[in-house]
Amino acid sequence: MELAAAAAIGTALAVGLAAIGAGIGNGLVTGRTVEGIARQPELRGNLMTMMFISVGLIEALPIIAVVIAFILMGRMG
């Protein structure tokens, strides 16, 4: 029983930290994109495309963390 509780705490911690990291990363990428657009408005399309690709890659981390958490919880339960 203690192992299942420790696994639950560990997976919740991992998912929470991944979500915090993704939030910080998304904020940095989006903020820098807005700065770039403000400096060079003619590059808006290129900057937005790169931003969306970056945000998609950043968001992959918490999704992978959730999948791994569910796998670990299934093995511990």
N, C-alpha and C. Protein backbone atom coordinates (compact mmCIF):
# COMPACT_ATOMS: atom_id res chain seq x y z
N MET A 1 0.82 -1.20 0.00
CA MET A 1 0.00 0.00 0.00
C MET A 1 0.86 1.25 0.00
N GLU A 2 1.98 1.24 0.77
CA GLU A 2 2.83 2.41 0.80
C GLU A 2 3.47 2.66 -0.55
N LEU A 3 3.75 1.60 -1.29
CA LEU A 3 4.36 1.74 -2.60
C LEU A 3 3.41 2.44 -3.57
N ALA A 4 2.14 2.10 -3.50
CA ALA A 4 1.15 2.74 -4.37
C ALA A 4 1.00 4.22 -4.03
N ALA A 5 1.04 4.56 -2.74
CA ALA A 5 0.94 5.96 -2.34
C ALA A 5 2.16 6.74 -2.79
N ALA A 6 3.34 6.15 -2.66
CA ALA A 6 4.56 6.80 -3.12
C ALA A 6 4.55 6.98 -4.63
N ALA A 7 4.04 5.99 -5.34
CA ALA A 7 3.94 6.09 -6.80
C ALA A 7 2.97 7.20 -7.20
N ALA A 8 1.86 7.32 -6.47
CA ALA A 8 0.90 8.38 -6.77
C ALA A 8 1.50 9.76 -6.53
N ILE A 9 2.23 9.91 -5.44
CA ILE A 9 2.87 11.19 -5.15
C ILE A 9 3.94 11.50 -6.19
N GLY A 10 4.72 10.51 -6.54
CA GLY A 10 5.77 10.70 -7.54
C GLY A 10 5.23 11.07 -8.91
N THR A 11 4.18 10.40 -9.34
CA THR A 11 3.61 10.71 -10.65
C THR A 11 2.96 12.09 -10.64
N ALA A 12 2.28 12.43 -9.56
CA ALA A 12 1.67 13.77 -9.48
C ALA A 12 2.74 14.85 -9.50
N LEU A 13 3.84 14.62 -8.82
CA LEU A 13 4.95 15.57 -8.81
C LEU A 13 5.56 15.71 -10.20
N ALA A 14 5.75 14.59 -10.88
CA ALA A 14 6.34 14.63 -12.22
C ALA A 14 5.44 15.38 -13.20
N VAL A 15 4.16 15.10 -13.17
CA VAL A 15 3.23 15.76 -14.07
C VAL A 15 3.13 17.25 -13.73
N GLY A 16 3.09 17.57 -12.46
CA GLY A 16 3.01 18.98 -12.06
C GLY A 16 4.24 19.76 -12.47
N LEU A 17 5.42 19.20 -12.28
CA LEU A 17 6.65 19.89 -12.68
C LEU A 17 6.74 20.03 -14.20
N ALA A 18 6.28 19.02 -14.92
CA ALA A 18 6.28 19.12 -16.38
C ALA A 18 5.33 20.21 -16.85
N ALA A 19 4.18 20.33 -16.19
CA ALA A 19 3.23 21.38 -16.56
C ALA A 19 3.77 22.76 -16.24
N ILE A 20 4.43 22.90 -15.10
CA ILE A 20 5.04 24.19 -14.75
C ILE A 20 6.13 24.55 -15.76
N GLY A 21 6.96 23.59 -16.09
CA GLY A 21 8.02 23.84 -17.07
C GLY A 21 7.47 24.23 -18.43
N ALA A 22 6.40 23.56 -18.86
CA ALA A 22 5.79 23.90 -20.14
C ALA A 22 5.17 25.29 -20.10
N GLY A 23 4.56 25.64 -18.98
CA GLY A 23 3.98 26.98 -18.85
C GLY A 23 5.04 28.06 -18.93
N ILE A 24 6.15 27.85 -18.26
CA ILE A 24 7.25 28.82 -18.31
C ILE A 24 7.81 28.90 -19.73
N GLY A 25 8.02 27.75 -20.35
CA GLY A 25 8.54 27.73 -21.72
C GLY A 25 7.62 28.42 -22.70
N ASN A 26 6.32 28.15 -22.60
CA ASN A 26 5.35 28.79 -23.49
C ASN A 26 5.33 30.31 -23.28
N GLY A 27 5.42 30.73 -22.04
CA GLY A 27 5.43 32.16 -21.76
C GLY A 27 6.66 32.84 -22.34
N LEU A 28 7.81 32.20 -22.20
CA LEU A 28 9.04 32.77 -22.76
C LEU A 28 8.98 32.85 -24.29
N VAL A 29 8.55 31.78 -24.91
CA VAL A 29 8.49 31.75 -26.38
C VAL A 29 7.50 32.79 -26.89
N THR A 30 6.33 32.85 -26.29
CA THR A 30 5.32 33.79 -26.74
C THR A 30 5.75 35.23 -26.51
N GLY A 31 6.35 35.51 -25.36
CA GLY A 31 6.82 36.85 -25.07
C GLY A 31 7.90 37.31 -26.04
N ARG A 32 8.83 36.41 -26.33
CA ARG A 32 9.89 36.78 -27.27
C ARG A 32 9.34 36.95 -28.69
N THR A 33 8.31 36.20 -29.03
CA THR A 33 7.70 36.36 -30.35
C THR A 33 7.03 37.72 -30.46
N VAL A 34 6.33 38.12 -29.40
CA VAL A 34 5.69 39.44 -29.41
C VAL A 34 6.75 40.54 -29.52
N GLU A 35 7.87 40.38 -28.81
CA GLU A 35 8.96 41.35 -28.91
C GLU A 35 9.51 41.40 -30.33
N GLY A 36 9.68 40.24 -30.94
CA GLY A 36 10.19 40.20 -32.32
C GLY A 36 9.25 40.85 -33.30
N ILE A 37 7.95 40.62 -33.12
CA ILE A 37 6.96 41.23 -34.01
C ILE A 37 6.93 42.74 -33.82
N ALA A 38 7.09 43.19 -32.57
CA ALA A 38 7.11 44.63 -32.31
C ALA A 38 8.32 45.29 -32.96
N ARG A 39 9.43 44.59 -33.02
CA ARG A 39 10.65 45.16 -33.61
C ARG A 39 10.62 45.10 -35.14
N GLN A 40 10.13 43.98 -35.67
CA GLN A 40 10.10 43.82 -37.13
C GLN A 40 8.75 43.25 -37.55
N PRO A 41 7.77 44.11 -37.71
CA PRO A 41 6.41 43.64 -38.05
C PRO A 41 6.34 42.87 -39.37
N GLU A 42 7.26 43.12 -40.29
CA GLU A 42 7.21 42.43 -41.58
C GLU A 42 7.54 40.94 -41.47
N LEU A 43 8.15 40.53 -40.37
CA LEU A 43 8.47 39.12 -40.15
C LEU A 43 7.41 38.38 -39.34
N ARG A 44 6.25 38.98 -39.20
CA ARG A 44 5.19 38.41 -38.36
C ARG A 44 4.86 36.96 -38.73
N GLY A 45 4.69 36.69 -40.01
CA GLY A 45 4.31 35.35 -40.45
C GLY A 45 5.36 34.30 -40.08
N ASN A 46 6.63 34.62 -40.35
CA ASN A 46 7.70 33.68 -40.04
C ASN A 46 7.82 33.46 -38.54
N LEU A 47 7.73 34.55 -37.78
CA LEU A 47 7.85 34.43 -36.32
C LEU A 47 6.70 33.62 -35.73
N MET A 48 5.49 33.86 -36.23
CA MET A 48 4.33 33.12 -35.71
C MET A 48 4.44 31.63 -36.03
N THR A 49 4.90 31.32 -37.24
CA THR A 49 5.07 29.91 -37.61
C THR A 49 6.07 29.23 -36.69
N MET A 50 7.19 29.88 -36.46
CA MET A 50 8.21 29.31 -35.57
C MET A 50 7.68 29.20 -34.14
N MET A 51 6.88 30.18 -33.71
CA MET A 51 6.31 30.13 -32.37
C MET A 51 5.38 28.93 -32.21
N PHE A 52 4.51 28.72 -33.19
CA PHE A 52 3.56 27.61 -33.07
C PHE A 52 4.27 26.25 -33.07
N ILE A 53 5.32 26.13 -33.86
CA ILE A 53 6.10 24.88 -33.86
C ILE A 53 6.76 24.69 -32.49
N SER A 54 7.34 25.75 -31.97
CA SER A 54 8.01 25.68 -30.66
C SER A 54 7.03 25.34 -29.54
N VAL A 55 5.87 26.00 -29.55
CA VAL A 55 4.88 25.74 -28.51
C VAL A 55 4.39 24.29 -28.59
N GLY A 56 4.22 23.79 -29.81
CA GLY A 56 3.81 22.39 -29.97
C GLY A 56 4.84 21.42 -29.40
N LEU A 57 6.11 21.71 -29.65
CA LEU A 57 7.16 20.84 -29.11
C LEU A 57 7.26 20.96 -27.59
N ILE A 58 7.07 22.17 -27.08
CA ILE A 58 7.11 22.37 -25.63
C ILE A 58 5.94 21.63 -24.97
N GLU A 59 4.78 21.67 -25.58
CA GLU A 59 3.59 21.01 -25.01
C GLU A 59 3.69 19.49 -25.07
N ALA A 60 4.57 18.96 -25.88
CA ALA A 60 4.73 17.50 -25.95
C ALA A 60 5.27 16.95 -24.63
N LEU A 61 6.08 17.73 -23.92
CA LEU A 61 6.68 17.24 -22.67
C LEU A 61 5.63 16.88 -21.62
N PRO A 62 4.68 17.76 -21.27
CA PRO A 62 3.70 17.34 -20.27
C PRO A 62 2.79 16.20 -20.73
N ILE A 63 2.53 16.13 -22.03
CA ILE A 63 1.72 15.03 -22.53
C ILE A 63 2.45 13.71 -22.33
N ILE A 64 3.73 13.69 -22.65
CA ILE A 64 4.54 12.49 -22.45
C ILE A 64 4.61 12.16 -20.95
N ALA A 65 4.75 13.18 -20.11
CA ALA A 65 4.80 12.96 -18.66
C ALA A 65 3.50 12.32 -18.14
N VAL A 66 2.38 12.77 -18.66
CA VAL A 66 1.09 12.20 -18.23
C VAL A 66 0.99 10.74 -18.67
N VAL A 67 1.41 10.44 -19.89
CA VAL A 67 1.36 9.05 -20.37
C VAL A 67 2.25 8.16 -19.52
N ILE A 68 3.47 8.62 -19.23
CA ILE A 68 4.37 7.83 -18.39
C ILE A 68 3.79 7.66 -16.99
N ALA A 69 3.15 8.71 -16.46
CA ALA A 69 2.54 8.62 -15.13
C ALA A 69 1.44 7.56 -15.11
N PHE A 70 0.60 7.55 -16.15
CA PHE A 70 -0.46 6.54 -16.21
C PHE A 70 0.12 5.14 -16.33
N ILE A 71 1.18 5.00 -17.09
CA ILE A 71 1.82 3.68 -17.22
C ILE A 71 2.36 3.22 -15.87
N LEU A 72 3.05 4.13 -15.17
CA LEU A 72 3.60 3.77 -13.84
C LEU A 72 2.51 3.47 -12.85
N MET A 73 1.44 4.23 -12.86
CA MET A 73 0.33 3.98 -11.93
C MET A 73 -0.33 2.64 -12.21
N GLY A 74 -0.42 2.28 -13.48
CA GLY A 74 -1.00 0.99 -13.83
C GLY A 74 -0.16 -0.17 -13.37
N ARG A 75 1.15 0.00 -13.38
CA ARG A 75 2.06 -1.07 -12.94
C ARG A 75 2.11 -1.17 -11.42
N MET A 76 1.91 -0.05 -10.73
CA MET A 76 2.01 -0.06 -9.26
C MET A 76 0.68 -0.48 -8.61
N GLY A 77 -0.42 -0.30 -9.33
CA GLY A 77 -1.73 -0.56 -8.72
C GLY A 77 -2.15 -1.97 -8.71
